[in-house]
């Protein structure tokens, strides 16, 4: 997901954070 955002949004968005919530491991 990080790569999709970084490679498809022109100019990086400073401060963007992705928090994963795992339902199981």
PDBML (XML) file of the C-alpha atoms, coordinates in Angstrom:
<?xml version="1.0" encoding="UTF-8" ?>
<PDBx:datablock datablockName="MODEL"
   xmlns:PDBx="http://pdbml.pdb.org/schema/pdbx-v50.xsd"
   xmlns:xsi="http://www.w3.org/2001/XMLSchema-instance"
   xsi:schemaLocation="http://pdbml.pdb.org/schema/pdbx-v50.xsd pdbx-v50.xsd">
   <PDBx:atom_siteCategory>
      <PDBx:atom_site id="1">
         <PDBx:B_iso_or_equiv>0.00</PDBx:B_iso_or_equiv>
         <PDBx:Cartn_x>0.000</PDBx:Cartn_x>
         <PDBx:Cartn_y>0.000</PDBx:Cartn_y>
         <PDBx:Cartn_z>0.000</PDBx:Cartn_z>
         <PDBx:auth_asym_id>A</PDBx:auth_asym_id>
         <PDBx:auth_atom_id>CA</PDBx:auth_atom_id>
         <PDBx:auth_comp_id>UNK</PDBx:auth_comp_id>
         <PDBx:auth_seq_id>1</PDBx:auth_seq_id>
         <PDBx:group_PDB>ATOM</PDBx:group_PDB>
         <PDBx:label_alt_id xsi:nil="true" />
         <PDBx:label_asym_id>A</PDBx:label_asym_id>
         <PDBx:label_atom_id>CA</PDBx:label_atom_id>
         <PDBx:label_comp_id>UNK</PDBx:label_comp_id>
         <PDBx:label_entity_id>1</PDBx:label_entity_id>
         <PDBx:label_seq_id>1</PDBx:label_seq_id>
         <PDBx:occupancy>1.00</PDBx:occupancy>
         <PDBx:pdbx_PDB_model_num>1</PDBx:pdbx_PDB_model_num>
         <PDBx:type_symbol>C</PDBx:type_symbol>
      </PDBx:atom_site>
      <PDBx:atom_site id="2">
         <PDBx:B_iso_or_equiv>0.00</PDBx:B_iso_or_equiv>
         <PDBx:Cartn_x>2.854</PDBx:Cartn_x>
         <PDBx:Cartn_y>2.391</PDBx:Cartn_y>
         <PDBx:Cartn_z>0.831</PDBx:Cartn_z>
         <PDBx:auth_asym_id>A</PDBx:auth_asym_id>
         <PDBx:auth_atom_id>CA</PDBx:auth_atom_id>
         <PDBx:auth_comp_id>UNK</PDBx:auth_comp_id>
         <PDBx:auth_seq_id>2</PDBx:auth_seq_id>
         <PDBx:group_PDB>ATOM</PDBx:group_PDB>
         <PDBx:label_alt_id xsi:nil="true" />
         <PDBx:label_asym_id>A</PDBx:label_asym_id>
         <PDBx:label_atom_id>CA</PDBx:label_atom_id>
         <PDBx:label_comp_id>UNK</PDBx:label_comp_id>
         <PDBx:label_entity_id>1</PDBx:label_entity_id>
         <PDBx:label_seq_id>2</PDBx:label_seq_id>
         <PDBx:occupancy>1.00</PDBx:occupancy>
         <PDBx:pdbx_PDB_model_num>1</PDBx:pdbx_PDB_model_num>
         <PDBx:type_symbol>C</PDBx:type_symbol>
      </PDBx:atom_site>
      <PDBx:atom_site id="3">
         <PDBx:B_iso_or_equiv>0.00</PDBx:B_iso_or_equiv>
         <PDBx:Cartn_x>4.450</PDBx:Cartn_x>
         <PDBx:Cartn_y>1.702</PDBx:Cartn_y>
         <PDBx:Cartn_z>-2.556</PDBx:Cartn_z>
         <PDBx:auth_asym_id>A</PDBx:auth_asym_id>
         <PDBx:auth_atom_id>CA</PDBx:auth_atom_id>
         <PDBx:auth_comp_id>UNK</PDBx:auth_comp_id>
         <PDBx:auth_seq_id>3</PDBx:auth_seq_id>
         <PDBx:group_PDB>ATOM</PDBx:group_PDB>
         <PDBx:label_alt_id xsi:nil="true" />
         <PDBx:label_asym_id>A</PDBx:label_asym_id>
         <PDBx:label_atom_id>CA</PDBx:label_atom_id>
         <PDBx:label_comp_id>UNK</PDBx:label_comp_id>
         <PDBx:label_entity_id>1</PDBx:label_entity_id>
         <PDBx:label_seq_id>3</PDBx:label_seq_id>
         <PDBx:occupancy>1.00</PDBx:occupancy>
         <PDBx:pdbx_PDB_model_num>1</PDBx:pdbx_PDB_model_num>
         <PDBx:type_symbol>C</PDBx:type_symbol>
      </PDBx:atom_site>
      <PDBx:atom_site id="4">
         <PDBx:B_iso_or_equiv>0.00</PDBx:B_iso_or_equiv>
         <PDBx:Cartn_x>1.164</PDBx:Cartn_x>
         <PDBx:Cartn_y>2.240</PDBx:Cartn_y>
         <PDBx:Cartn_z>-4.414</PDBx:Cartn_z>
         <PDBx:auth_asym_id>A</PDBx:auth_asym_id>
         <PDBx:auth_atom_id>CA</PDBx:auth_atom_id>
         <PDBx:auth_comp_id>UNK</PDBx:auth_comp_id>
         <PDBx:auth_seq_id>4</PDBx:auth_seq_id>
         <PDBx:group_PDB>ATOM</PDBx:group_PDB>
         <PDBx:label_alt_id xsi:nil="true" />
         <PDBx:label_asym_id>A</PDBx:label_asym_id>
         <PDBx:label_atom_id>CA</PDBx:label_atom_id>
         <PDBx:label_comp_id>UNK</PDBx:label_comp_id>
         <PDBx:label_entity_id>1</PDBx:label_entity_id>
         <PDBx:label_seq_id>4</PDBx:label_seq_id>
         <PDBx:occupancy>1.00</PDBx:occupancy>
         <PDBx:pdbx_PDB_model_num>1</PDBx:pdbx_PDB_model_num>
         <PDBx:type_symbol>C</PDBx:type_symbol>
      </PDBx:atom_site>
      <PDBx:atom_site id="5">
         <PDBx:B_iso_or_equiv>0.00</PDBx:B_iso_or_equiv>
         <PDBx:Cartn_x>0.733</PDBx:Cartn_x>
         <PDBx:Cartn_y>5.629</PDBx:Cartn_y>
         <PDBx:Cartn_z>-2.755</PDBx:Cartn_z>
         <PDBx:auth_asym_id>A</PDBx:auth_asym_id>
         <PDBx:auth_atom_id>CA</PDBx:auth_atom_id>
         <PDBx:auth_comp_id>UNK</PDBx:auth_comp_id>
         <PDBx:auth_seq_id>5</PDBx:auth_seq_id>
         <PDBx:group_PDB>ATOM</PDBx:group_PDB>
         <PDBx:label_alt_id xsi:nil="true" />
         <PDBx:label_asym_id>A</PDBx:label_asym_id>
         <PDBx:label_atom_id>CA</PDBx:label_atom_id>
         <PDBx:label_comp_id>UNK</PDBx:label_comp_id>
         <PDBx:label_entity_id>1</PDBx:label_entity_id>
         <PDBx:label_seq_id>5</PDBx:label_seq_id>
         <PDBx:occupancy>1.00</PDBx:occupancy>
         <PDBx:pdbx_PDB_model_num>1</PDBx:pdbx_PDB_model_num>
         <PDBx:type_symbol>C</PDBx:type_symbol>
      </PDBx:atom_site>
      <PDBx:atom_site id="6">
         <PDBx:B_iso_or_equiv>0.00</PDBx:B_iso_or_equiv>
         <PDBx:Cartn_x>4.364</PDBx:Cartn_x>
         <PDBx:Cartn_y>6.670</PDBx:Cartn_y>
         <PDBx:Cartn_z>-3.179</PDBx:Cartn_z>
         <PDBx:auth_asym_id>A</PDBx:auth_asym_id>
         <PDBx:auth_atom_id>CA</PDBx:auth_atom_id>
         <PDBx:auth_comp_id>UNK</PDBx:auth_comp_id>
         <PDBx:auth_seq_id>6</PDBx:auth_seq_id>
         <PDBx:group_PDB>ATOM</PDBx:group_PDB>
         <PDBx:label_alt_id xsi:nil="true" />
         <PDBx:label_asym_id>A</PDBx:label_asym_id>
         <PDBx:label_atom_id>CA</PDBx:label_atom_id>
         <PDBx:label_comp_id>UNK</PDBx:label_comp_id>
         <PDBx:label_entity_id>1</PDBx:label_entity_id>
         <PDBx:label_seq_id>6</PDBx:label_seq_id>
         <PDBx:occupancy>1.00</PDBx:occupancy>
         <PDBx:pdbx_PDB_model_num>1</PDBx:pdbx_PDB_model_num>
         <PDBx:type_symbol>C</PDBx:type_symbol>
      </PDBx:atom_site>
      <PDBx:atom_site id="7">
         <PDBx:B_iso_or_equiv>0.00</PDBx:B_iso_or_equiv>
         <PDBx:Cartn_x>4.543</PDBx:Cartn_x>
         <PDBx:Cartn_y>5.666</PDBx:Cartn_y>
         <PDBx:Cartn_z>-6.857</PDBx:Cartn_z>
         <PDBx:auth_asym_id>A</PDBx:auth_asym_id>
         <PDBx:auth_atom_id>CA</PDBx:auth_atom_id>
         <PDBx:auth_comp_id>UNK</PDBx:auth_comp_id>
         <PDBx:auth_seq_id>7</PDBx:auth_seq_id>
         <PDBx:group_PDB>ATOM</PDBx:group_PDB>
         <PDBx:label_alt_id xsi:nil="true" />
         <PDBx:label_asym_id>A</PDBx:label_asym_id>
         <PDBx:label_atom_id>CA</PDBx:label_atom_id>
         <PDBx:label_comp_id>UNK</PDBx:label_comp_id>
         <PDBx:label_entity_id>1</PDBx:label_entity_id>
         <PDBx:label_seq_id>7</PDBx:label_seq_id>
         <PDBx:occupancy>1.00</PDBx:occupancy>
         <PDBx:pdbx_PDB_model_num>1</PDBx:pdbx_PDB_model_num>
         <PDBx:type_symbol>C</PDBx:type_symbol>
      </PDBx:atom_site>
      <PDBx:atom_site id="8">
         <PDBx:B_iso_or_equiv>0.00</PDBx:B_iso_or_equiv>
         <PDBx:Cartn_x>1.121</PDBx:Cartn_x>
         <PDBx:Cartn_y>6.930</PDBx:Cartn_y>
         <PDBx:Cartn_z>-7.946</PDBx:Cartn_z>
         <PDBx:auth_asym_id>A</PDBx:auth_asym_id>
         <PDBx:auth_atom_id>CA</PDBx:auth_atom_id>
         <PDBx:auth_comp_id>UNK</PDBx:auth_comp_id>
         <PDBx:auth_seq_id>8</PDBx:auth_seq_id>
         <PDBx:group_PDB>ATOM</PDBx:group_PDB>
         <PDBx:label_alt_id xsi:nil="true" />
         <PDBx:label_asym_id>A</PDBx:label_asym_id>
         <PDBx:label_atom_id>CA</PDBx:label_atom_id>
         <PDBx:label_comp_id>UNK</PDBx:label_comp_id>
         <PDBx:label_entity_id>1</PDBx:label_entity_id>
         <PDBx:label_seq_id>8</PDBx:label_seq_id>
         <PDBx:occupancy>1.00</PDBx:occupancy>
         <PDBx:pdbx_PDB_model_num>1</PDBx:pdbx_PDB_model_num>
         <PDBx:type_symbol>C</PDBx:type_symbol>
      </PDBx:atom_site>
      <PDBx:atom_site id="9">
         <PDBx:B_iso_or_equiv>0.00</PDBx:B_iso_or_equiv>
         <PDBx:Cartn_x>0.733</PDBx:Cartn_x>
         <PDBx:Cartn_y>10.248</PDBx:Cartn_y>
         <PDBx:Cartn_z>-6.130</PDBx:Cartn_z>
         <PDBx:auth_asym_id>A</PDBx:auth_asym_id>
         <PDBx:auth_atom_id>CA</PDBx:auth_atom_id>
         <PDBx:auth_comp_id>UNK</PDBx:auth_comp_id>
         <PDBx:auth_seq_id>9</PDBx:auth_seq_id>
         <PDBx:group_PDB>ATOM</PDBx:group_PDB>
         <PDBx:label_alt_id xsi:nil="true" />
         <PDBx:label_asym_id>A</PDBx:label_asym_id>
         <PDBx:label_atom_id>CA</PDBx:label_atom_id>
         <PDBx:label_comp_id>UNK</PDBx:label_comp_id>
         <PDBx:label_entity_id>1</PDBx:label_entity_id>
         <PDBx:label_seq_id>9</PDBx:label_seq_id>
         <PDBx:occupancy>1.00</PDBx:occupancy>
         <PDBx:pdbx_PDB_model_num>1</PDBx:pdbx_PDB_model_num>
         <PDBx:type_symbol>C</PDBx:type_symbol>
      </PDBx:atom_site>
      <PDBx:atom_site id="10">
         <PDBx:B_iso_or_equiv>0.00</PDBx:B_iso_or_equiv>
         <PDBx:Cartn_x>2.862</PDBx:Cartn_x>
         <PDBx:Cartn_y>12.955</PDBx:Cartn_y>
         <PDBx:Cartn_z>-7.675</PDBx:Cartn_z>
         <PDBx:auth_asym_id>A</PDBx:auth_asym_id>
         <PDBx:auth_atom_id>CA</PDBx:auth_atom_id>
         <PDBx:auth_comp_id>UNK</PDBx:auth_comp_id>
         <PDBx:auth_seq_id>10</PDBx:auth_seq_id>
         <PDBx:group_PDB>ATOM</PDBx:group_PDB>
         <PDBx:label_alt_id xsi:nil="true" />
         <PDBx:label_asym_id>A</PDBx:label_asym_id>
         <PDBx:label_atom_id>CA</PDBx:label_atom_id>
         <PDBx:label_comp_id>UNK</PDBx:label_comp_id>
         <PDBx:label_entity_id>1</PDBx:label_entity_id>
         <PDBx:label_seq_id>10</PDBx:label_seq_id>
         <PDBx:occupancy>1.00</PDBx:occupancy>
         <PDBx:pdbx_PDB_model_num>1</PDBx:pdbx_PDB_model_num>
         <PDBx:type_symbol>C</PDBx:type_symbol>
      </PDBx:atom_site>
      <PDBx:atom_site id="11">
         <PDBx:B_iso_or_equiv>0.00</PDBx:B_iso_or_equiv>
         <PDBx:Cartn_x>4.957</PDBx:Cartn_x>
         <PDBx:Cartn_y>14.592</PDBx:Cartn_y>
         <PDBx:Cartn_z>-4.945</PDBx:Cartn_z>
         <PDBx:auth_asym_id>A</PDBx:auth_asym_id>
         <PDBx:auth_atom_id>CA</PDBx:auth_atom_id>
         <PDBx:auth_comp_id>UNK</PDBx:auth_comp_id>
         <PDBx:auth_seq_id>11</PDBx:auth_seq_id>
         <PDBx:group_PDB>ATOM</PDBx:group_PDB>
         <PDBx:label_alt_id xsi:nil="true" />
         <PDBx:label_asym_id>A</PDBx:label_asym_id>
         <PDBx:label_atom_id>CA</PDBx:label_atom_id>
         <PDBx:label_comp_id>UNK</PDBx:label_comp_id>
         <PDBx:label_entity_id>1</PDBx:label_entity_id>
         <PDBx:label_seq_id>11</PDBx:label_seq_id>
         <PDBx:occupancy>1.00</PDBx:occupancy>
         <PDBx:pdbx_PDB_model_num>1</PDBx:pdbx_PDB_model_num>
         <PDBx:type_symbol>C</PDBx:type_symbol>
      </PDBx:atom_site>
      <PDBx:atom_site id="12">
         <PDBx:B_iso_or_equiv>0.00</PDBx:B_iso_or_equiv>
         <PDBx:Cartn_x>5.277</PDBx:Cartn_x>
         <PDBx:Cartn_y>12.669</PDBx:Cartn_y>
         <PDBx:Cartn_z>-1.742</PDBx:Cartn_z>
         <PDBx:auth_asym_id>A</PDBx:auth_asym_id>
         <PDBx:auth_atom_id>CA</PDBx:auth_atom_id>
         <PDBx:auth_comp_id>UNK</PDBx:auth_comp_id>
         <PDBx:auth_seq_id>12</PDBx:auth_seq_id>
         <PDBx:group_PDB>ATOM</PDBx:group_PDB>
         <PDBx:label_alt_id xsi:nil="true" />
         <PDBx:label_asym_id>A</PDBx:label_asym_id>
         <PDBx:label_atom_id>CA</PDBx:label_atom_id>
         <PDBx:label_comp_id>UNK</PDBx:label_comp_id>
         <PDBx:label_entity_id>1</PDBx:label_entity_id>
         <PDBx:label_seq_id>12</PDBx:label_seq_id>
         <PDBx:occupancy>1.00</PDBx:occupancy>
         <PDBx:pdbx_PDB_model_num>1</PDBx:pdbx_PDB_model_num>
         <PDBx:type_symbol>C</PDBx:type_symbol>
      </PDBx:atom_site>
      <PDBx:atom_site id="13">
         <PDBx:B_iso_or_equiv>0.00</PDBx:B_iso_or_equiv>
         <PDBx:Cartn_x>2.790</PDBx:Cartn_x>
         <PDBx:Cartn_y>13.469</PDBx:Cartn_y>
         <PDBx:Cartn_z>1.019</PDBx:Cartn_z>
         <PDBx:auth_asym_id>A</PDBx:auth_asym_id>
         <PDBx:auth_atom_id>CA</PDBx:auth_atom_id>
         <PDBx:auth_comp_id>UNK</PDBx:auth_comp_id>
         <PDBx:auth_seq_id>13</PDBx:auth_seq_id>
         <PDBx:group_PDB>ATOM</PDBx:group_PDB>
         <PDBx:label_alt_id xsi:nil="true" />
         <PDBx:label_asym_id>A</PDBx:label_asym_id>
         <PDBx:label_atom_id>CA</PDBx:label_atom_id>
         <PDBx:label_comp_id>UNK</PDBx:label_comp_id>
         <PDBx:label_entity_id>1</PDBx:label_entity_id>
         <PDBx:label_seq_id>13</PDBx:label_seq_id>
         <PDBx:occupancy>1.00</PDBx:occupancy>
         <PDBx:pdbx_PDB_model_num>1</PDBx:pdbx_PDB_model_num>
         <PDBx:type_symbol>C</PDBx:type_symbol>
      </PDBx:atom_site>
      <PDBx:atom_site id="14">
         <PDBx:B_iso_or_equiv>0.00</PDBx:B_iso_or_equiv>
         <PDBx:Cartn_x>4.842</PDBx:Cartn_x>
         <PDBx:Cartn_y>14.348</PDBx:Cartn_y>
         <PDBx:Cartn_z>4.112</PDBx:Cartn_z>
         <PDBx:auth_asym_id>A</PDBx:auth_asym_id>
         <PDBx:auth_atom_id>CA</PDBx:auth_atom_id>
         <PDBx:auth_comp_id>UNK</PDBx:auth_comp_id>
         <PDBx:auth_seq_id>14</PDBx:auth_seq_id>
         <PDBx:group_PDB>ATOM</PDBx:group_PDB>
         <PDBx:label_alt_id xsi:nil="true" />
         <PDBx:label_asym_id>A</PDBx:label_asym_id>
         <PDBx:label_atom_id>CA</PDBx:label_atom_id>
         <PDBx:label_comp_id>UNK</PDBx:label_comp_id>
         <PDBx:label_entity_id>1</PDBx:label_entity_id>
         <PDBx:label_seq_id>14</PDBx:label_seq_id>
         <PDBx:occupancy>1.00</PDBx:occupancy>
         <PDBx:pdbx_PDB_model_num>1</PDBx:pdbx_PDB_model_num>
         <PDBx:type_symbol>C</PDBx:type_symbol>
      </PDBx:atom_site>
      <PDBx:atom_site id="15">
         <PDBx:B_iso_or_equiv>0.00</PDBx:B_iso_or_equiv>
         <PDBx:Cartn_x>3.657</PDBx:Cartn_x>
         <PDBx:Cartn_y>12.760</PDBx:Cartn_y>
         <PDBx:Cartn_z>7.342</PDBx:Cartn_z>
         <PDBx:auth_asym_id>A</PDBx:auth_asym_id>
         <PDBx:auth_atom_id>CA</PDBx:auth_atom_id>
         <PDBx:auth_comp_id>UNK</PDBx:auth_comp_id>
         <PDBx:auth_seq_id>15</PDBx:auth_seq_id>
         <PDBx:group_PDB>ATOM</PDBx:group_PDB>
         <PDBx:label_alt_id xsi:nil="true" />
         <PDBx:label_asym_id>A</PDBx:label_asym_id>
         <PDBx:label_atom_id>CA</PDBx:label_atom_id>
         <PDBx:label_comp_id>UNK</PDBx:label_comp_id>
         <PDBx:label_entity_id>1</PDBx:label_entity_id>
         <PDBx:label_seq_id>15</PDBx:label_seq_id>
         <PDBx:occupancy>1.00</PDBx:occupancy>
         <PDBx:pdbx_PDB_model_num>1</PDBx:pdbx_PDB_model_num>
         <PDBx:type_symbol>C</PDBx:type_symbol>
      </PDBx:atom_site>
      <PDBx:atom_site id="16">
         <PDBx:B_iso_or_equiv>0.00</PDBx:B_iso_or_equiv>
         <PDBx:Cartn_x>1.416</PDBx:Cartn_x>
         <PDBx:Cartn_y>10.090</PDBx:Cartn_y>
         <PDBx:Cartn_z>5.786</PDBx:Cartn_z>
         <PDBx:auth_asym_id>A</PDBx:auth_asym_id>
         <PDBx:auth_atom_id>CA</PDBx:auth_atom_id>
         <PDBx:auth_comp_id>UNK</PDBx:auth_comp_id>
         <PDBx:auth_seq_id>16</PDBx:auth_seq_id>
         <PDBx:group_PDB>ATOM</PDBx:group_PDB>
         <PDBx:label_alt_id xsi:nil="true" />
         <PDBx:label_asym_id>A</PDBx:label_asym_id>
         <PDBx:label_atom_id>CA</PDBx:label_atom_id>
         <PDBx:label_comp_id>UNK</PDBx:label_comp_id>
         <PDBx:label_entity_id>1</PDBx:label_entity_id>
         <PDBx:label_seq_id>16</PDBx:label_seq_id>
         <PDBx:occupancy>1.00</PDBx:occupancy>
         <PDBx:pdbx_PDB_model_num>1</PDBx:pdbx_PDB_model_num>
         <PDBx:type_symbol>C</PDBx:type_symbol>
      </PDBx:atom_site>
      <PDBx:atom_site id="17">
         <PDBx:B_iso_or_equiv>0.00</PDBx:B_iso_or_equiv>
         <PDBx:Cartn_x>1.305</PDBx:Cartn_x>
         <PDBx:Cartn_y>6.993</PDBx:Cartn_y>
         <PDBx:Cartn_z>8.019</PDBx:Cartn_z>
         <PDBx:auth_asym_id>A</PDBx:auth_asym_id>
         <PDBx:auth_atom_id>CA</PDBx:auth_atom_id>
         <PDBx:auth_comp_id>UNK</PDBx:auth_comp_id>
         <PDBx:auth_seq_id>17</PDBx:auth_seq_id>
         <PDBx:group_PDB>ATOM</PDBx:group_PDB>
         <PDBx:label_alt_id xsi:nil="true" />
         <PDBx:label_asym_id>A</PDBx:label_asym_id>
         <PDBx:label_atom_id>CA</PDBx:label_atom_id>
         <PDBx:label_comp_id>UNK</PDBx:label_comp_id>
         <PDBx:label_entity_id>1</PDBx:label_entity_id>
         <PDBx:label_seq_id>17</PDBx:label_seq_id>
         <PDBx:occupancy>1.00</PDBx:occupancy>
         <PDBx:pdbx_PDB_model_num>1</PDBx:pdbx_PDB_model_num>
         <PDBx:type_symbol>C</PDBx:type_symbol>
      </PDBx:atom_site>
      <PDBx:atom_site id="18">
         <PDBx:B_iso_or_equiv>0.00</PDBx:B_iso_or_equiv>
         <PDBx:Cartn_x>-0.279</PDBx:Cartn_x>
         <PDBx:Cartn_y>3.561</PDBx:Cartn_y>
         <PDBx:Cartn_z>7.545</PDBx:Cartn_z>
         <PDBx:auth_asym_id>A</PDBx:auth_asym_id>
         <PDBx:auth_atom_id>CA</PDBx:auth_atom_id>
         <PDBx:auth_comp_id>UNK</PDBx:auth_comp_id>
         <PDBx:auth_seq_id>18</PDBx:auth_seq_id>
         <PDBx:group_PDB>ATOM</PDBx:group_PDB>
         <PDBx:label_alt_id xsi:nil="true" />
         <PDBx:label_asym_id>A</PDBx:label_asym_id>
         <PDBx:label_atom_id>CA</PDBx:label_atom_id>
         <PDBx:label_comp_id>UNK</PDBx:label_comp_id>
         <PDBx:label_entity_id>1</PDBx:label_entity_id>
         <PDBx:label_seq_id>18</PDBx:label_seq_id>
         <PDBx:occupancy>1.00</PDBx:occupancy>
         <PDBx:pdbx_PDB_model_num>1</PDBx:pdbx_PDB_model_num>
         <PDBx:type_symbol>C</PDBx:type_symbol>
      </PDBx:atom_site>
      <PDBx:atom_site id="19">
         <PDBx:B_iso_or_equiv>0.00</PDBx:B_iso_or_equiv>
         <PDBx:Cartn_x>-1.326</PDBx:Cartn_x>
         <PDBx:Cartn_y>1.659</PDBx:Cartn_y>
         <PDBx:Cartn_z>10.677</PDBx:Cartn_z>
         <PDBx:auth_asym_id>A</PDBx:auth_asym_id>
         <PDBx:auth_atom_id>CA</PDBx:auth_atom_id>
         <PDBx:auth_comp_id>UNK</PDBx:auth_comp_id>
         <PDBx:auth_seq_id>19</PDBx:auth_seq_id>
         <PDBx:group_PDB>ATOM</PDBx:group_PDB>
         <PDBx:label_alt_id xsi:nil="true" />
         <PDBx:label_asym_id>A</PDBx:label_asym_id>
         <PDBx:label_atom_id>CA</PDBx:label_atom_id>
         <PDBx:label_comp_id>UNK</PDBx:label_comp_id>
         <PDBx:label_entity_id>1</PDBx:label_entity_id>
         <PDBx:label_seq_id>19</PDBx:label_seq_id>
         <PDBx:occupancy>1.00</PDBx:occupancy>
         <PDBx:pdbx_PDB_model_num>1</PDBx:pdbx_PDB_model_num>
         <PDBx:type_symbol>C</PDBx:type_symbol>
      </PDBx:atom_site>
      <PDBx:atom_site id="20">
         <PDBx:B_iso_or_equiv>0.00</PDBx:B_iso_or_equiv>
         <PDBx:Cartn_x>-1.955</PDBx:Cartn_x>
         <PDBx:Cartn_y>-2.065</PDBx:Cartn_y>
         <PDBx:Cartn_z>10.148</PDBx:Cartn_z>
         <PDBx:auth_asym_id>A</PDBx:auth_asym_id>
         <PDBx:auth_atom_id>CA</PDBx:auth_atom_id>
         <PDBx:auth_comp_id>UNK</PDBx:auth_comp_id>
         <PDBx:auth_seq_id>20</PDBx:auth_seq_id>
         <PDBx:group_PDB>ATOM</PDBx:group_PDB>
         <PDBx:label_alt_id xsi:nil="true" />
         <PDBx:label_asym_id>A</PDBx:label_asym_id>
         <PDBx:label_atom_id>CA</PDBx:label_atom_id>
         <PDBx:label_comp_id>UNK</PDBx:label_comp_id>
         <PDBx:label_entity_id>1</PDBx:label_entity_id>
         <PDBx:label_seq_id>20</PDBx:label_seq_id>
         <PDBx:occupancy>1.00</PDBx:occupancy>
         <PDBx:pdbx_PDB_model_num>1</PDBx:pdbx_PDB_model_num>
         <PDBx:type_symbol>C</PDBx:type_symbol>
      </PDBx:atom_site>
      <PDBx:atom_site id="21">
         <PDBx:B_iso_or_equiv>0.00</PDBx:B_iso_or_equiv>
         <PDBx:Cartn_x>-4.441</PDBx:Cartn_x>
         <PDBx:Cartn_y>-3.799</PDBx:Cartn_y>
         <PDBx:Cartn_z>12.453</PDBx:Cartn_z>
         <PDBx:auth_asym_id>A</PDBx:auth_asym_id>
         <PDBx:auth_atom_id>CA</PDBx:auth_atom_id>
         <PDBx:auth_comp_id>UNK</PDBx:auth_comp_id>
         <PDBx:auth_seq_id>21</PDBx:auth_seq_id>
         <PDBx:group_PDB>ATOM</PDBx:group_PDB>
         <PDBx:label_alt_id xsi:nil="true" />
         <PDBx:label_asym_id>A</PDBx:label_asym_id>
         <PDBx:label_atom_id>CA</PDBx:label_atom_id>
         <PDBx:label_comp_id>UNK</PDBx:label_comp_id>
         <PDBx:label_entity_id>1</PDBx:label_entity_id>
         <PDBx:label_seq_id>21</PDBx:label_seq_id>
         <PDBx:occupancy>1.00</PDBx:occupancy>
         <PDBx:pdbx_PDB_model_num>1</PDBx:pdbx_PDB_model_num>
         <PDBx:type_symbol>C</PDBx:type_symbol>
      </PDBx:atom_site>
      <PDBx:atom_site id="22">
         <PDBx:B_iso_or_equiv>0.00</PDBx:B_iso_or_equiv>
         <PDBx:Cartn_x>-3.963</PDBx:Cartn_x>
         <PDBx:Cartn_y>-7.582</PDBx:Cartn_y>
         <PDBx:Cartn_z>12.388</PDBx:Cartn_z>
         <PDBx:auth_asym_id>A</PDBx:auth_asym_id>
         <PDBx:auth_atom_id>CA</PDBx:auth_atom_id>
         <PDBx:auth_comp_id>UNK</PDBx:auth_comp_id>
         <PDBx:auth_seq_id>22</PDBx:auth_seq_id>
         <PDBx:group_PDB>ATOM</PDBx:group_PDB>
         <PDBx:label_alt_id xsi:nil="true" />
         <PDBx:label_asym_id>A</PDBx:label_asym_id>
         <PDBx:label_atom_id>CA</PDBx:label_atom_id>
         <PDBx:label_comp_id>UNK</PDBx:label_comp_id>
         <PDBx:label_entity_id>1</PDBx:label_entity_id>
         <PDBx:label_seq_id>22</PDBx:label_seq_id>
         <PDBx:occupancy>1.00</PDBx:occupancy>
         <PDBx:pdbx_PDB_model_num>1</PDBx:pdbx_PDB_model_num>
         <PDBx:type_symbol>C</PDBx:type_symbol>
      </PDBx:atom_site>
      <PDBx:atom_site id="23">
         <PDBx:B_iso_or_equiv>0.00</PDBx:B_iso_or_equiv>
         <PDBx:Cartn_x>-7.023</PDBx:Cartn_x>
         <PDBx:Cartn_y>-9.717</PDBx:Cartn_y>
         <PDBx:Cartn_z>13.008</PDBx:Cartn_z>
         <PDBx:auth_asym_id>A</PDBx:auth_asym_id>
         <PDBx:auth_atom_id>CA</PDBx:auth_atom_id>
         <PDBx:auth_comp_id>UNK</PDBx:auth_comp_id>
         <PDBx:auth_seq_id>23</PDBx:auth_seq_id>
         <PDBx:group_PDB>ATOM</PDBx:group_PDB>
         <PDBx:label_alt_id xsi:nil="true" />
         <PDBx:label_asym_id>A</PDBx:label_asym_id>
         <PDBx:label_atom_id>CA</PDBx:label_atom_id>
         <PDBx:label_comp_id>UNK</PDBx:label_comp_id>
         <PDBx:label_entity_id>1</PDBx:label_entity_id>
         <PDBx:label_seq_id>23</PDBx:label_seq_id>
         <PDBx:occupancy>1.00</PDBx:occupancy>
         <PDBx:pdbx_PDB_model_num>1</PDBx:pdbx_PDB_model_num>
         <PDBx:type_symbol>C</PDBx:type_symbol>
      </PDBx:atom_site>
      <PDBx:atom_site id="24">
         <PDBx:B_iso_or_equiv>0.00</PDBx:B_iso_or_equiv>
         <PDBx:Cartn_x>-4.789</PDBx:Cartn_x>
         <PDBx:Cartn_y>-12.774</PDBx:Cartn_y>
         <PDBx:Cartn_z>13.299</PDBx:Cartn_z>
         <PDBx:auth_asym_id>A</PDBx:auth_asym_id>
         <PDBx:auth_atom_id>CA</PDBx:auth_atom_id>
         <PDBx:auth_comp_id>UNK</PDBx:auth_comp_id>
         <PDBx:auth_seq_id>24</PDBx:auth_seq_id>
         <PDBx:group_PDB>ATOM</PDBx:group_PDB>
         <PDBx:label_alt_id xsi:nil="true" />
         <PDBx:label_asym_id>A</PDBx:label_asym_id>
         <PDBx:label_atom_id>CA</PDBx:label_atom_id>
         <PDBx:label_comp_id>UNK</PDBx:label_comp_id>
         <PDBx:label_entity_id>1</PDBx:label_entity_id>
         <PDBx:label_seq_id>24</PDBx:label_seq_id>
         <PDBx:occupancy>1.00</PDBx:occupancy>
         <PDBx:pdbx_PDB_model_num>1</PDBx:pdbx_PDB_model_num>
         <PDBx:type_symbol>C</PDBx:type_symbol>
      </PDBx:atom_site>
      <PDBx:atom_site id="25">
         <PDBx:B_iso_or_equiv>0.00</PDBx:B_iso_or_equiv>
         <PDBx:Cartn_x>-1.121</PDBx:Cartn_x>
         <PDBx:Cartn_y>-13.613</PDBx:Cartn_y>
         <PDBx:Cartn_z>12.869</PDBx:Cartn_z>
         <PDBx:auth_asym_id>A</PDBx:auth_asym_id>
         <PDBx:auth_atom_id>CA</PDBx:auth_atom_id>
         <PDBx:auth_comp_id>UNK</PDBx:auth_comp_id>
         <PDBx:auth_seq_id>25</PDBx:auth_seq_id>
         <PDBx:group_PDB>ATOM</PDBx:group_PDB>
         <PDBx:label_alt_id xsi:nil="true" />
         <PDBx:label_asym_id>A</PDBx:label_asym_id>
         <PDBx:label_atom_id>CA</PDBx:label_atom_id>
         <PDBx:label_comp_id>UNK</PDBx:label_comp_id>
         <PDBx:label_entity_id>1</PDBx:label_entity_id>
         <PDBx:label_seq_id>25</PDBx:label_seq_id>
         <PDBx:occupancy>1.00</PDBx:occupancy>
         <PDBx:pdbx_PDB_model_num>1</PDBx:pdbx_PDB_model_num>
         <PDBx:type_symbol>C</PDBx:type_symbol>
      </PDBx:atom_site>
   </PDBx:atom_siteCategory>
</PDBx:datablock>
